[in-house]
Amino acid sequence: MTTILDPTDERVPVERMPSPRPGTLSGNVALLDISKPRGNVLIDRFEALLSERLPDVNFNRYSKPTFTKPAPDELRQQIKAENEFVIEALAD
């Protein structure tokens, strides 16, 4: 079990088992920019570094319309349909 701290309310930490992690990445990986300032800079650099290490992985870029709300359902469904993994980037 792992304790997960919720940044919106840490008064009662949640105990959960983390999802199993694959040994390798393959196929398509979504890079989701949540539209915070400089998030695109972080994703650009992250994509460059990952592309060097994982030349057989295809990276697909997505952006939320605004960081103040959850990703629209249509965007989430598109990401799910087109990718095996998601990396979400925050920055300021």
N, C-alpha and C. Protein backbone atom coordinates (compact mmCIF):
# COMPACT_ATOMS: atom_id res chain seq x y z
N MET A 1 0.84 -1.18 0.00
CA MET A 1 0.00 0.00 0.00
C MET A 1 0.88 1.24 0.00
N THR A 2 0.40 2.25 -0.67
CA THR A 2 1.09 3.52 -0.78
C THR A 2 0.17 4.62 -0.30
N THR A 3 0.71 5.57 0.45
CA THR A 3 -0.07 6.71 0.87
C THR A 3 -0.01 7.77 -0.22
N ILE A 4 -1.18 8.22 -0.66
CA ILE A 4 -1.26 9.25 -1.69
C ILE A 4 -1.80 10.52 -1.04
N LEU A 5 -1.04 11.61 -1.17
CA LEU A 5 -1.48 12.88 -0.62
C LEU A 5 -2.17 13.69 -1.71
N ASP A 6 -3.38 14.13 -1.40
CA ASP A 6 -4.17 14.93 -2.32
C ASP A 6 -3.86 16.39 -2.04
N PRO A 7 -3.34 17.13 -3.04
CA PRO A 7 -2.97 18.53 -2.78
C PRO A 7 -4.16 19.42 -2.43
N THR A 8 -5.37 18.96 -2.68
CA THR A 8 -6.54 19.77 -2.34
C THR A 8 -7.02 19.51 -0.93
N ASP A 9 -6.62 18.40 -0.32
CA ASP A 9 -7.07 18.09 1.04
C ASP A 9 -6.23 16.95 1.61
N GLU A 10 -5.21 17.27 2.39
CA GLU A 10 -4.32 16.27 2.96
C GLU A 10 -4.68 15.89 4.38
N ARG A 11 -5.86 16.28 4.85
CA ARG A 11 -6.24 15.95 6.22
C ARG A 11 -6.39 14.45 6.42
N VAL A 12 -6.83 13.75 5.38
CA VAL A 12 -7.02 12.31 5.48
C VAL A 12 -6.31 11.65 4.29
N PRO A 13 -5.03 11.26 4.46
CA PRO A 13 -4.32 10.60 3.36
C PRO A 13 -5.03 9.32 2.93
N VAL A 14 -4.94 9.02 1.64
CA VAL A 14 -5.60 7.85 1.07
C VAL A 14 -4.56 6.75 0.87
N GLU A 15 -4.90 5.55 1.28
CA GLU A 15 -4.04 4.38 1.08
C GLU A 15 -4.52 3.63 -0.16
N ARG A 16 -3.65 3.44 -1.14
CA ARG A 16 -4.02 2.73 -2.36
C ARG A 16 -2.85 1.90 -2.86
N MET A 17 -3.21 0.88 -3.62
CA MET A 17 -2.19 0.11 -4.32
C MET A 17 -1.97 0.79 -5.67
N PRO A 18 -0.72 1.18 -6.01
CA PRO A 18 -0.48 1.78 -7.32
C PRO A 18 -0.77 0.78 -8.43
N SER A 19 -1.18 1.29 -9.58
CA SER A 19 -1.40 0.44 -10.75
C SER A 19 -0.07 -0.18 -11.16
N PRO A 20 -0.11 -1.41 -11.70
CA PRO A 20 1.14 -2.00 -12.16
C PRO A 20 1.74 -1.17 -13.30
N ARG A 21 3.04 -1.05 -13.30
CA ARG A 21 3.74 -0.30 -14.34
C ARG A 21 4.37 -1.26 -15.33
N PRO A 22 4.28 -0.94 -16.63
CA PRO A 22 4.91 -1.81 -17.63
C PRO A 22 6.43 -1.68 -17.56
N GLY A 23 7.12 -2.71 -17.98
CA GLY A 23 8.57 -2.67 -18.00
C GLY A 23 9.14 -1.77 -19.08
N THR A 24 8.38 -1.60 -20.16
CA THR A 24 8.84 -0.78 -21.27
C THR A 24 7.68 0.03 -21.84
N LEU A 25 8.02 1.09 -22.55
CA LEU A 25 7.03 1.87 -23.28
C LEU A 25 7.10 1.48 -24.75
N SER A 26 5.93 1.35 -25.36
CA SER A 26 5.88 1.06 -26.79
C SER A 26 4.59 1.64 -27.34
N GLY A 27 4.52 1.70 -28.66
CA GLY A 27 3.31 2.21 -29.29
C GLY A 27 3.23 3.73 -29.24
N ASN A 28 2.06 4.24 -28.95
CA ASN A 28 1.82 5.68 -28.93
C ASN A 28 1.73 6.19 -27.50
N VAL A 29 2.37 7.33 -27.26
CA VAL A 29 2.34 7.98 -25.96
C VAL A 29 1.80 9.39 -26.14
N ALA A 30 0.76 9.72 -25.38
CA ALA A 30 0.17 11.05 -25.41
C ALA A 30 0.96 11.97 -24.50
N LEU A 31 1.27 13.16 -24.98
CA LEU A 31 1.87 14.21 -24.17
C LEU A 31 0.82 15.30 -24.04
N LEU A 32 0.26 15.44 -22.85
CA LEU A 32 -0.84 16.37 -22.63
C LEU A 32 -0.36 17.63 -21.94
N ASP A 33 -0.49 18.74 -22.61
CA ASP A 33 -0.18 20.06 -22.07
C ASP A 33 -1.47 20.60 -21.46
N ILE A 34 -1.49 20.87 -20.16
CA ILE A 34 -2.72 21.33 -19.54
C ILE A 34 -2.94 22.83 -19.73
N SER A 35 -2.07 23.47 -20.48
CA SER A 35 -2.18 24.90 -20.86
C SER A 35 -1.81 25.86 -19.74
N LYS A 36 -0.95 25.42 -18.83
CA LYS A 36 -0.36 26.37 -17.88
C LYS A 36 0.82 27.03 -18.56
N PRO A 37 1.18 28.23 -18.12
CA PRO A 37 2.33 28.91 -18.73
C PRO A 37 3.58 28.03 -18.70
N ARG A 38 4.27 27.98 -19.83
CA ARG A 38 5.51 27.26 -20.03
C ARG A 38 5.37 25.74 -20.01
N GLY A 39 4.14 25.24 -19.96
CA GLY A 39 3.92 23.79 -20.03
C GLY A 39 4.44 23.23 -21.34
N ASN A 40 4.25 24.00 -22.42
CA ASN A 40 4.74 23.55 -23.72
C ASN A 40 6.26 23.44 -23.74
N VAL A 41 6.94 24.31 -23.01
CA VAL A 41 8.41 24.24 -22.93
C VAL A 41 8.83 22.95 -22.24
N LEU A 42 8.15 22.62 -21.16
CA LEU A 42 8.44 21.38 -20.44
C LEU A 42 8.19 20.16 -21.34
N ILE A 43 7.07 20.14 -22.02
CA ILE A 43 6.75 19.00 -22.89
C ILE A 43 7.72 18.90 -24.06
N ASP A 44 8.11 20.04 -24.64
CA ASP A 44 9.09 20.03 -25.73
C ASP A 44 10.37 19.33 -25.28
N ARG A 45 10.86 19.72 -24.13
CA ARG A 45 12.12 19.15 -23.62
C ARG A 45 11.95 17.68 -23.26
N PHE A 46 10.84 17.37 -22.63
CA PHE A 46 10.57 15.99 -22.24
C PHE A 46 10.47 15.09 -23.47
N GLU A 47 9.78 15.57 -24.50
CA GLU A 47 9.65 14.79 -25.73
C GLU A 47 11.02 14.57 -26.38
N ALA A 48 11.86 15.60 -26.38
CA ALA A 48 13.20 15.46 -26.97
C ALA A 48 14.01 14.41 -26.22
N LEU A 49 13.98 14.45 -24.90
CA LEU A 49 14.74 13.48 -24.10
C LEU A 49 14.19 12.05 -24.28
N LEU A 50 12.87 11.91 -24.25
CA LEU A 50 12.28 10.58 -24.41
C LEU A 50 12.52 10.03 -25.81
N SER A 51 12.48 10.88 -26.83
CA SER A 51 12.70 10.43 -28.21
C SER A 51 14.09 9.86 -28.38
N GLU A 52 15.07 10.41 -27.67
CA GLU A 52 16.43 9.88 -27.72
C GLU A 52 16.50 8.49 -27.10
N ARG A 53 15.81 8.31 -25.99
CA ARG A 53 15.86 7.03 -25.27
C ARG A 53 14.92 5.98 -25.85
N LEU A 54 13.83 6.45 -26.47
CA LEU A 54 12.80 5.53 -26.96
C LEU A 54 12.49 5.83 -28.43
N PRO A 55 13.43 5.52 -29.33
CA PRO A 55 13.25 5.90 -30.73
C PRO A 55 12.08 5.22 -31.43
N ASP A 56 11.59 4.10 -30.90
CA ASP A 56 10.49 3.38 -31.54
C ASP A 56 9.11 3.82 -31.04
N VAL A 57 9.07 4.76 -30.10
CA VAL A 57 7.80 5.24 -29.56
C VAL A 57 7.33 6.45 -30.36
N ASN A 58 6.04 6.50 -30.65
CA ASN A 58 5.44 7.64 -31.34
C ASN A 58 4.77 8.54 -30.29
N PHE A 59 5.14 9.82 -30.27
CA PHE A 59 4.58 10.77 -29.32
C PHE A 59 3.52 11.64 -30.01
N ASN A 60 2.35 11.71 -29.40
CA ASN A 60 1.26 12.53 -29.90
C ASN A 60 1.01 13.67 -28.92
N ARG A 61 0.90 14.89 -29.43
CA ARG A 61 0.73 16.07 -28.59
C ARG A 61 -0.73 16.49 -28.51
N TYR A 62 -1.17 16.86 -27.30
CA TYR A 62 -2.52 17.34 -27.06
C TYR A 62 -2.45 18.51 -26.08
N SER A 63 -3.46 19.37 -26.12
CA SER A 63 -3.55 20.50 -25.18
C SER A 63 -4.97 20.64 -24.68
N LYS A 64 -5.10 20.88 -23.39
CA LYS A 64 -6.40 21.23 -22.84
C LYS A 64 -6.71 22.68 -23.23
N PRO A 65 -8.00 23.03 -23.35
CA PRO A 65 -8.34 24.42 -23.66
C PRO A 65 -7.95 25.38 -22.53
N THR A 66 -8.00 24.91 -21.29
CA THR A 66 -7.66 25.74 -20.13
C THR A 66 -7.22 24.85 -18.98
N PHE A 67 -6.31 25.34 -18.16
CA PHE A 67 -5.86 24.54 -17.02
C PHE A 67 -6.85 24.62 -15.86
N THR A 68 -7.82 25.51 -15.93
CA THR A 68 -8.75 25.72 -14.81
C THR A 68 -9.87 24.70 -14.74
N LYS A 69 -10.00 23.87 -15.77
CA LYS A 69 -11.07 22.87 -15.80
C LYS A 69 -10.51 21.53 -16.27
N PRO A 70 -11.19 20.44 -15.93
CA PRO A 70 -10.75 19.13 -16.43
C PRO A 70 -10.78 19.10 -17.96
N ALA A 71 -10.02 18.20 -18.52
CA ALA A 71 -10.01 18.03 -19.98
C ALA A 71 -11.42 17.65 -20.44
N PRO A 72 -11.86 18.22 -21.56
CA PRO A 72 -13.18 17.86 -22.08
C PRO A 72 -13.25 16.36 -22.38
N ASP A 73 -14.44 15.80 -22.23
CA ASP A 73 -14.62 14.37 -22.45
C ASP A 73 -14.17 13.95 -23.85
N GLU A 74 -14.47 14.77 -24.85
CA GLU A 74 -14.07 14.44 -26.22
C GLU A 74 -12.54 14.31 -26.34
N LEU A 75 -11.80 15.19 -25.69
CA LEU A 75 -10.33 15.12 -25.71
C LEU A 75 -9.84 13.88 -24.98
N ARG A 76 -10.42 13.58 -23.84
CA ARG A 76 -10.02 12.38 -23.10
C ARG A 76 -10.28 11.12 -23.90
N GLN A 77 -11.42 11.06 -24.58
CA GLN A 77 -11.74 9.89 -25.40
C GLN A 77 -10.77 9.77 -26.58
N GLN A 78 -10.41 10.89 -27.19
CA GLN A 78 -9.46 10.88 -28.31
C GLN A 78 -8.10 10.36 -27.84
N ILE A 79 -7.63 10.88 -26.71
CA ILE A 79 -6.34 10.44 -26.16
C ILE A 79 -6.38 8.93 -25.87
N LYS A 80 -7.45 8.48 -25.26
CA LYS A 80 -7.59 7.05 -24.94
C LYS A 80 -7.59 6.18 -26.19
N ALA A 81 -8.28 6.64 -27.23
CA ALA A 81 -8.39 5.85 -28.46
C ALA A 81 -7.08 5.79 -29.24
N GLU A 82 -6.25 6.83 -29.14
CA GLU A 82 -5.06 6.93 -29.98
C GLU A 82 -3.75 6.56 -29.28
N ASN A 83 -3.79 6.26 -27.98
CA ASN A 83 -2.54 6.07 -27.22
C ASN A 83 -2.65 4.94 -26.22
N GLU A 84 -1.46 4.42 -25.86
CA GLU A 84 -1.38 3.40 -24.82
C GLU A 84 -1.00 4.01 -23.47
N PHE A 85 -0.34 5.17 -23.50
CA PHE A 85 0.13 5.83 -22.27
C PHE A 85 -0.13 7.32 -22.38
N VAL A 86 -0.19 7.99 -21.21
CA VAL A 86 -0.36 9.44 -21.17
C VAL A 86 0.66 10.03 -20.20
N ILE A 87 1.31 11.11 -20.63
CA ILE A 87 2.17 11.90 -19.76
C ILE A 87 1.58 13.30 -19.74
N GLU A 88 1.26 13.78 -18.56
CA GLU A 88 0.64 15.10 -18.41
C GLU A 88 1.66 16.05 -17.82
N ALA A 89 1.78 17.25 -18.38
CA ALA A 89 2.79 18.19 -17.92
C ALA A 89 2.18 19.42 -17.29
N LEU A 90 2.72 19.78 -16.15
CA LEU A 90 2.36 21.01 -15.46
C LEU A 90 3.59 21.91 -15.45
N ALA A 91 3.40 23.19 -15.49
CA ALA A 91 4.54 24.11 -15.41
C ALA A 91 4.02 25.50 -15.05
N ASP A 92 4.89 26.34 -14.63
CA ASP A 92 4.64 27.75 -14.36
C ASP A 92 5.95 28.49 -14.45
